[in-house]
Amino acid sequence: MSWDAATYEKVADPQSEWAREIVARSGIKRGDLVLDAGCGGGRVTQQLLALTPNVIAVDADANMVARARETLPESVPVYHQDLLELDVPDKVDVVFSCAVLHWITDHERLLERLHAALKPGGRLVAQCGGYGNIQNVLDIVGERPGRWFYAKPDETEARLRGAGFRQARAWLEPKPTVPSDMVTFIETVILHKDPDRHANAERVAAQIDHIDYVRLNIEATA
């Protein structure tokens, strides 16, 4: 099921704030070529453009790609690609990703493709859902096997090394979050693939006062 790109961009303030933290520690320099892996509607890509004009954006969802192409400068190429089949024309200095990688369950293949996109010595700087993420939501709606992959740090470091990264570091960071519109946020950001997403979002919002986000931070060097 496709994303509601316009609504996501309106309600995803928490993801945008997490991105600011990742950008701050990214070490991106002006002139670096950066790949935004899972650019969504382009809101976070704009943060990267404040550091360097050389940005490539990729997303697997057609609605997100259309939104990004509307909002980003024409100088930014936006590719409609599954990250498991990632193939960009130029090797990049930095692969950046925020709130995306947990939507892909084959992390071995995923990390191999991200590594292949990097120049020798290039860096992966990412954050996604990690072990224990949104557990208080899942306690109410039930687990959704195969929808997300919330990895542990040690597993991720081993996969990074297996994908060819020379240096790898991963760690968990709790991020309890209170969206301004809990129902719309849960419906749009967490349960967008759920046929009963609105009813389930209302049910969850009636029982919790925050979302137990747990972020998996990833830094690695090719």
C-alpha atoms as a PDB file:
ATOM      1  CA  MET A   1       0.000   0.000   0.000  1.00  0.00           C
ATOM      2  CA  SER A   2       1.394   3.378  -1.019  1.00  0.00           C
ATOM      3  CA  TRP A   3       2.161   6.165   1.407  1.00  0.00           C
ATOM      4  CA  ASP A   4      -0.003   9.261   1.842  1.00  0.00           C
ATOM      5  CA  ALA A   5       2.972  11.478   1.054  1.00  0.00           C
ATOM      6  CA  ALA A   6       1.287  14.840   1.700  1.00  0.00           C
ATOM      7  CA  THR A   7      -0.044  13.864   5.134  1.00  0.00           C
ATOM      8  CA  TYR A   8       3.212  12.149   6.097  1.00  0.00           C
ATOM      9  CA  GLU A   9       5.183  15.309   5.382  1.00  0.00           C
ATOM     10  CA  LYS A  10       2.787  17.302   7.561  1.00  0.00           C
ATOM     11  CA  VAL A  11       2.843  15.029  10.617  1.00  0.00           C
ATOM     12  CA  ALA A  12       6.380  13.605  10.583  1.00  0.00           C
ATOM     13  CA  ASP A  13       7.910  16.296  12.811  1.00  0.00           C
ATOM     14  CA  PRO A  14       9.565  13.685  15.078  1.00  0.00           C
ATOM     15  CA  GLN A  15      11.336  12.077  12.117  1.00  0.00           C
ATOM     16  CA  SER A  16      12.489  15.497  10.936  1.00  0.00           C
ATOM     17  CA  GLU A  17      13.921  16.290  14.374  1.00  0.00           C
ATOM     18  CA  TRP A  18      15.729  12.948  14.518  1.00  0.00           C
ATOM     19  CA  ALA A  19      17.174  13.743  11.099  1.00  0.00           C
ATOM     20  CA  ARG A  20      18.580  17.018  12.432  1.00  0.00           C
ATOM     21  CA  GLU A  21      20.496  15.050  15.058  1.00  0.00           C
ATOM     22  CA  ILE A  22      21.843  12.627  12.450  1.00  0.00           C
ATOM     23  CA  VAL A  23      22.806  15.480  10.119  1.00  0.00           C
ATOM     24  CA  ALA A  24      24.647  17.184  12.979  1.00  0.00           C
ATOM     25  CA  ARG A  25      26.902  14.150  13.504  1.00  0.00           C
ATOM     26  CA  SER A  26      27.164  13.189   9.839  1.00  0.00           C
ATOM     27  CA  GLY A  27      30.354  15.096   9.098  1.00  0.00           C
ATOM     28  CA  ILE A  28      29.002  15.995   5.653  1.00  0.00           C
ATOM     29  CA  LYS A  29      31.192  18.632   4.023  1.00  0.00           C
ATOM     30  CA  ARG A  30      30.295  21.080   1.284  1.00  0.00           C
ATOM     31  CA  GLY A  31      31.121  19.379  -1.988  1.00  0.00           C
ATOM     32  CA  ASP A  32      30.390  15.851  -0.709  1.00  0.00           C
ATOM     33  CA  LEU A  33      28.076  13.794  -2.887  1.00  0.00           C
ATOM     34  CA  VAL A  34      25.347  12.470  -0.598  1.00  0.00           C
ATOM     35  CA  LEU A  35      22.706   9.813  -1.237  1.00  0.00           C
ATOM     36  CA  ASP A  36      19.474  10.218   0.729  1.00  0.00           C
ATOM     37  CA  ALA A  37      18.392   6.568   0.921  1.00  0.00           C
ATOM     38  CA  GLY A  38      14.630   6.672   1.408  1.00  0.00           C
ATOM     39  CA  CYS A  39      14.048  10.381   0.835  1.00  0.00           C
ATOM     40  CA  GLY A  40      10.288  10.343   1.370  1.00  0.00           C
ATOM     41  CA  GLY A  41       8.743  13.617   0.259  1.00  0.00           C
ATOM     42  CA  GLY A  42      12.055  15.461   0.458  1.00  0.00           C
ATOM     43  CA  ARG A  43      11.662  17.209   3.799  1.00  0.00           C
ATOM     44  CA  VAL A  44      14.855  15.713   5.246  1.00  0.00           C
ATOM     45  CA  THR A  45      16.646  16.016   1.897  1.00  0.00           C
ATOM     46  CA  GLN A  46      16.316  19.784   2.315  1.00  0.00           C
ATOM     47  CA  GLN A  47      18.432  19.516   5.472  1.00  0.00           C
ATOM     48  CA  LEU A  48      21.160  17.768   3.498  1.00  0.00           C
ATOM     49  CA  LEU A  49      21.048  20.474   0.824  1.00  0.00           C
ATOM     50  CA  ALA A  50      21.903  23.028   3.511  1.00  0.00           C
ATOM     51  CA  LEU A  51      25.270  21.245   3.843  1.00  0.00           C
ATOM     52  CA  THR A  52      26.062  20.366   0.230  1.00  0.00           C
ATOM     53  CA  PRO A  53      24.361  21.026  -3.117  1.00  0.00           C
ATOM     54  CA  ASN A  54      25.332  17.557  -4.325  1.00  0.00           C
ATOM     55  CA  VAL A  55      22.506  15.285  -3.238  1.00  0.00           C
ATOM     56  CA  ILE A  56      20.903  12.257  -4.888  1.00  0.00           C
ATOM     57  CA  ALA A  57      17.491  11.163  -3.571  1.00  0.00           C
ATOM     58  CA  VAL A  58      16.000   7.665  -3.806  1.00  0.00           C
ATOM     59  CA  ASP A  59      12.687   6.240  -2.624  1.00  0.00           C
ATOM     60  CA  ALA A  60      10.723   3.075  -3.343  1.00  0.00           C
ATOM     61  CA  ASP A  61       7.274   4.670  -3.103  1.00  0.00           C
ATOM     62  CA  ALA A  62       5.836   6.391  -6.177  1.00  0.00           C
ATOM     63  CA  ASN A  63       3.830   8.910  -4.130  1.00  0.00           C
ATOM     64  CA  MET A  64       6.896   9.922  -2.127  1.00  0.00           C
ATOM     65  CA  VAL A  65       8.982  10.248  -5.292  1.00  0.00           C
ATOM     66  CA  ALA A  66       6.342  12.476  -6.899  1.00  0.00           C
ATOM     67  CA  ARG A  67       6.212  14.657  -3.792  1.00  0.00           C
ATOM     68  CA  ALA A  68      10.014  14.915  -3.630  1.00  0.00           C
ATOM     69  CA  ARG A  69      10.217  15.899  -7.290  1.00  0.00           C
ATOM     70  CA  GLU A  70       7.682  18.672  -6.612  1.00  0.00           C
ATOM     71  CA  THR A  71       9.448  20.066  -3.549  1.00  0.00           C
ATOM     72  CA  LEU A  72      13.161  19.627  -4.278  1.00  0.00           C
ATOM     73  CA  PRO A  73      15.236  21.753  -6.662  1.00  0.00           C
ATOM     74  CA  GLU A  74      15.493  20.455 -10.224  1.00  0.00           C
ATOM     75  CA  SER A  75      19.228  19.984  -9.625  1.00  0.00           C
ATOM     76  CA  VAL A  76      18.462  17.059  -7.280  1.00  0.00           C
ATOM     77  CA  PRO A  77      17.872  13.790  -9.134  1.00  0.00           C
ATOM     78  CA  VAL A  78      15.098  11.753  -7.498  1.00  0.00           C
ATOM     79  CA  TYR A  79      15.109   8.066  -8.428  1.00  0.00           C
ATOM     80  CA  HIS A  80      12.211   5.658  -7.962  1.00  0.00           C
ATOM     81  CA  GLN A  81      14.106   2.594  -6.720  1.00  0.00           C
ATOM     82  CA  ASP A  82      13.831  -0.188  -4.183  1.00  0.00           C
ATOM     83  CA  LEU A  83      16.918   0.060  -1.953  1.00  0.00           C
ATOM     84  CA  LEU A  84      17.427  -3.690  -2.363  1.00  0.00           C
ATOM     85  CA  GLU A  85      18.051  -2.956  -6.057  1.00  0.00           C
ATOM     86  CA  LEU A  86      19.845   0.344  -5.503  1.00  0.00           C
ATOM     87  CA  ASP A  87      21.831   1.417  -8.545  1.00  0.00           C
ATOM     88  CA  VAL A  88      22.850   5.068  -8.864  1.00  0.00           C
ATOM     89  CA  PRO A  89      25.154   6.361 -11.623  1.00  0.00           C
ATOM     90  CA  ASP A  90      27.841   7.808  -9.346  1.00  0.00           C
ATOM     91  CA  LYS A  91      29.569   6.507  -6.238  1.00  0.00           C
ATOM     92  CA  VAL A  92      28.840   8.769  -3.275  1.00  0.00           C
ATOM     93  CA  ASP A  93      30.804  10.079  -0.303  1.00  0.00           C
ATOM     94  CA  VAL A  94      27.983   9.571   2.193  1.00  0.00           C
ATOM     95  CA  VAL A  95      24.875   7.401   2.305  1.00  0.00           C
ATOM     96  CA  PHE A  96      22.385   9.062   4.659  1.00  0.00           C
ATOM     97  CA  SER A  97      19.144   7.485   5.836  1.00  0.00           C
ATOM     98  CA  CYS A  98      16.562   8.422   8.468  1.00  0.00           C
ATOM     99  CA  ALA A  99      13.562   6.329   9.569  1.00  0.00           C
ATOM    100  CA  VAL A 100      13.695   4.021   6.545  1.00  0.00           C
ATOM    101  CA  LEU A 101      15.843   0.909   6.857  1.00  0.00           C
ATOM    102  CA  HIS A 102      13.534  -0.934   9.282  1.00  0.00           C
ATOM    103  CA  TRP A 103      10.915  -1.115   6.502  1.00  0.00           C
ATOM    104  CA  ILE A 104      13.243  -3.484   4.647  1.00  0.00           C
ATOM    105  CA  THR A 105      13.537  -6.947   6.175  1.00  0.00           C
ATOM    106  CA  ASP A 106      16.551  -8.253   4.201  1.00  0.00           C
ATOM    107  CA  HIS A 107      19.308  -6.281   5.898  1.00  0.00           C
ATOM    108  CA  GLU A 108      22.097  -8.433   4.464  1.00  0.00           C
ATOM    109  CA  ARG A 109      21.142  -7.498   0.903  1.00  0.00           C
ATOM    110  CA  LEU A 110      20.275  -3.924   1.919  1.00  0.00           C
ATOM    111  CA  LEU A 111      23.653  -3.204   3.483  1.00  0.00           C
ATOM    112  CA  GLU A 112      25.456  -4.777   0.523  1.00  0.00           C
ATOM    113  CA  ARG A 113      23.664  -2.389  -1.843  1.00  0.00           C
ATOM    114  CA  LEU A 114      24.396   0.638   0.364  1.00  0.00           C
ATOM    115  CA  HIS A 115      28.061  -0.377   0.530  1.00  0.00           C
ATOM    116  CA  ALA A 116      28.167  -0.733  -3.263  1.00  0.00           C
ATOM    117  CA  ALA A 117      26.929   2.859  -3.655  1.00  0.00           C
ATOM    118  CA  LEU A 118      29.849   4.280  -1.652  1.00  0.00           C
ATOM    119  CA  LYS A 119      33.274   5.381  -2.758  1.00  0.00           C
ATOM    120  CA  PRO A 120      36.178   3.645  -0.981  1.00  0.00           C
ATOM    121  CA  GLY A 121      36.338   5.300   2.419  1.00  0.00           C
ATOM    122  CA  GLY A 122      32.797   6.597   2.072  1.00  0.00           C
ATOM    123  CA  ARG A 123      30.477   6.605   5.067  1.00  0.00           C
ATOM    124  CA  LEU A 124      27.052   5.292   5.987  1.00  0.00           C
ATOM    125  CA  VAL A 125      25.235   7.472   8.516  1.00  0.00           C
ATOM    126  CA  ALA A 126      21.762   6.227   9.335  1.00  0.00           C
ATOM    127  CA  GLN A 127      19.053   5.817  11.926  1.00  0.00           C
ATOM    128  CA  CYS A 128      16.030   3.528  11.821  1.00  0.00           C
ATOM    129  CA  GLY A 129      13.732   1.627  14.139  1.00  0.00           C
ATOM    130  CA  GLY A 130      15.667  -0.749  16.401  1.00  0.00           C
ATOM    131  CA  TYR A 131      14.979  -3.623  18.754  1.00  0.00           C
ATOM    132  CA  GLY A 132      11.965  -2.781  20.948  1.00  0.00           C
ATOM    133  CA  ASN A 133      10.667  -0.032  18.655  1.00  0.00           C
ATOM    134  CA  ILE A 134       6.973   0.970  19.029  1.00  0.00           C
ATOM    135  CA  GLN A 135       6.416  -1.932  21.403  1.00  0.00           C
ATOM    136  CA  ASN A 136       3.558  -0.243  23.247  1.00  0.00           C
ATOM    137  CA  VAL A 137       1.742   0.169  19.907  1.00  0.00           C
ATOM    138  CA  LEU A 138       2.353  -3.457  18.945  1.00  0.00           C
ATOM    139  CA  ASP A 139       1.143  -4.617  22.354  1.00  0.00           C
ATOM    140  CA  ILE A 140      -2.272  -3.251  21.353  1.00  0.00           C
ATOM    141  CA  VAL A 141      -2.547  -3.974  17.617  1.00  0.00           C
ATOM    142  CA  GLY A 142      -0.466  -7.154  17.639  1.00  0.00           C
ATOM    143  CA  GLU A 143       2.822  -7.925  15.933  1.00  0.00           C
ATOM    144  CA  ARG A 144       2.990  -7.504  12.162  1.00  0.00           C
ATOM    145  CA  PRO A 145       5.387 -10.249  10.991  1.00  0.00           C
ATOM    146  CA  GLY A 146       7.385  -9.331   7.930  1.00  0.00           C
ATOM    147  CA  ARG A 147       6.375  -5.679   7.935  1.00  0.00           C
ATOM    148  CA  TRP A 148       9.309  -4.270   9.897  1.00  0.00           C
ATOM    149  CA  PHE A 149      12.742  -5.442  10.936  1.00  0.00           C
ATOM    150  CA  TYR A 150      13.871  -4.000  14.257  1.00  0.00           C
ATOM    151  CA  ALA A 151      17.473  -5.154  14.531  1.00  0.00           C
ATOM    152  CA  LYS A 152      19.838  -5.273  17.499  1.00  0.00           C
ATOM    153  CA  PRO A 153      23.134  -3.344  17.472  1.00  0.00           C
ATOM    154  CA  ASP A 154      25.453  -6.368  17.622  1.00  0.00           C
ATOM    155  CA  GLU A 155      23.568  -8.072  14.787  1.00  0.00           C
ATOM    156  CA  THR A 156      23.777  -4.893  12.723  1.00  0.00           C
ATOM    157  CA  GLU A 157      27.505  -4.464  13.275  1.00  0.00           C
ATOM    158  CA  ALA A 158      28.061  -8.057  12.131  1.00  0.00           C
ATOM    159  CA  ARG A 159      25.932  -7.499   9.024  1.00  0.00           C
ATOM    160  CA  LEU A 160      27.822  -4.289   8.221  1.00  0.00           C
ATOM    161  CA  ARG A 161      31.138  -6.098   8.359  1.00  0.00           C
ATOM    162  CA  GLY A 162      29.687  -8.924   6.274  1.00  0.00           C
ATOM    163  CA  ALA A 163      28.595  -6.355   3.660  1.00  0.00           C
ATOM    164  CA  GLY A 164      32.178  -5.085   3.353  1.00  0.00           C
ATOM    165  CA  PHE A 165      32.288  -2.139   5.741  1.00  0.00           C
ATOM    166  CA  ARG A 166      35.710  -1.806   7.423  1.00  0.00           C
ATOM    167  CA  GLN A 167      34.452   0.037  10.494  1.00  0.00           C
ATOM    168  CA  ALA A 168      30.994  -0.388  11.982  1.00  0.00           C
ATOM    169  CA  ARG A 169      29.199   0.967  15.021  1.00  0.00           C
ATOM    170  CA  ALA A 170      25.536   0.629  15.992  1.00  0.00           C
ATOM    171  CA  TRP A 171      23.671   1.566  19.165  1.00  0.00           C
ATOM    172  CA  LEU A 172      20.105   1.922  20.420  1.00  0.00           C
ATOM    173  CA  GLU A 173      18.577   5.192  21.589  1.00  0.00           C
ATOM    174  CA  PRO A 174      15.132   5.416  23.238  1.00  0.00           C
ATOM    175  CA  LYS A 175      13.015   8.212  21.785  1.00  0.00           C
ATOM    176  CA  PRO A 176       9.636   8.317  23.580  1.00  0.00           C
ATOM    177  CA  THR A 177       7.497  10.534  21.367  1.00  0.00           C
ATOM    178  CA  VAL A 178       4.218  12.434  21.727  1.00  0.00           C
ATOM    179  CA  PRO A 179       2.897  13.476  18.292  1.00  0.00           C
ATOM    180  CA  SER A 180       0.662  16.528  18.155  1.00  0.00           C
ATOM    181  CA  ASP A 181      -2.081  14.466  16.460  1.00  0.00           C
ATOM    182  CA  MET A 182      -1.684  10.932  17.791  1.00  0.00           C
ATOM    183  CA  VAL A 183      -4.394   9.301  15.639  1.00  0.00           C
ATOM    184  CA  THR A 184      -3.281  10.806  12.336  1.00  0.00           C
ATOM    185  CA  PHE A 185       0.344  10.127  13.122  1.00  0.00           C
ATOM    186  CA  ILE A 186      -0.195   6.458  13.957  1.00  0.00           C
ATOM    187  CA  GLU A 187      -2.514   5.965  10.994  1.00  0.00           C
ATOM    188  CA  THR A 188      -0.150   7.640   8.516  1.00  0.00           C
ATOM    189  CA  VAL A 189       3.333   6.852   9.795  1.00  0.00           C
ATOM    190  CA  ILE A 190       3.062   3.487  11.557  1.00  0.00           C
ATOM    191  CA  LEU A 191      -0.039   1.671  10.268  1.00  0.00           C
ATOM    192  CA  HIS A 192      -0.222   2.974   6.691  1.00  0.00           C
ATOM    193  CA  LYS A 193      -0.259  -0.623   5.353  1.00  0.00           C
ATOM    194  CA  ASP A 194      -3.050  -1.721   7.691  1.00  0.00           C
ATOM    195  CA  PRO A 195      -6.509  -2.036   6.023  1.00  0.00           C
ATOM    196  CA  ASP A 196      -8.072  -1.044   9.367  1.00  0.00           C
ATOM    197  CA  ARG A 197      -5.477   1.636  10.053  1.00  0.00           C
ATOM    198  CA  HIS A 198      -7.857   4.404  11.152  1.00  0.00           C
ATOM    199  CA  ALA A 199      -9.824   2.248  13.597  1.00  0.00           C
ATOM    200  CA  ASN A 200      -6.623   0.719  14.971  1.00  0.00           C
ATOM    201  CA  ALA A 201      -4.993   4.130  15.286  1.00  0.00           C
ATOM    202  CA  GLU A 202      -7.967   5.370  17.304  1.00  0.00           C
ATOM    203  CA  ARG A 203      -7.791   2.266  19.500  1.00  0.00           C
ATOM    204  CA  VAL A 204      -4.084   2.769  20.164  1.00  0.00           C
ATOM    205  CA  ALA A 205      -4.399   6.510  20.808  1.00  0.00           C
ATOM    206  CA  ALA A 206      -7.086   5.848  23.418  1.00  0.00           C
ATOM    207  CA  GLN A 207      -4.712   3.635  25.417  1.00  0.00           C
ATOM    208  CA  ILE A 208      -1.290   5.324  25.246  1.00  0.00           C
ATOM    209  CA  ASP A 209       0.031   8.820  25.912  1.00  0.00           C
ATOM    210  CA  HIS A 210       3.290   8.404  23.976  1.00  0.00           C
ATOM    211  CA  ILE A 211       4.923   6.094  21.445  1.00  0.00           C
ATOM    212  CA  ASP A 212       7.850   3.978  22.620  1.00  0.00           C
ATOM    213  CA  TYR A 213      10.204   4.721  19.761  1.00  0.00           C
ATOM    214  CA  VAL A 214      13.633   3.091  19.955  1.00  0.00           C
ATOM    215  CA  ARG A 215      16.103   4.195  17.309  1.00  0.00           C
ATOM    216  CA  LEU A 216      19.008   2.150  15.933  1.00  0.00           C
ATOM    217  CA  ASN A 217      21.881   4.481  15.083  1.00  0.00           C
ATOM    218  CA  ILE A 218      24.342   3.232  12.455  1.00  0.00           C
ATOM    219  CA  GLU A 219      27.753   4.587  11.457  1.00  0.00           C
ATOM    220  CA  ALA A 220      30.082   2.671   9.143  1.00  0.00           C
ATOM    221  CA  THR A 221      33.002   3.268   6.776  1.00  0.00           C
ATOM    222  CA  ALA A 222      33.420   1.503   3.439  1.00  0.00           C
END
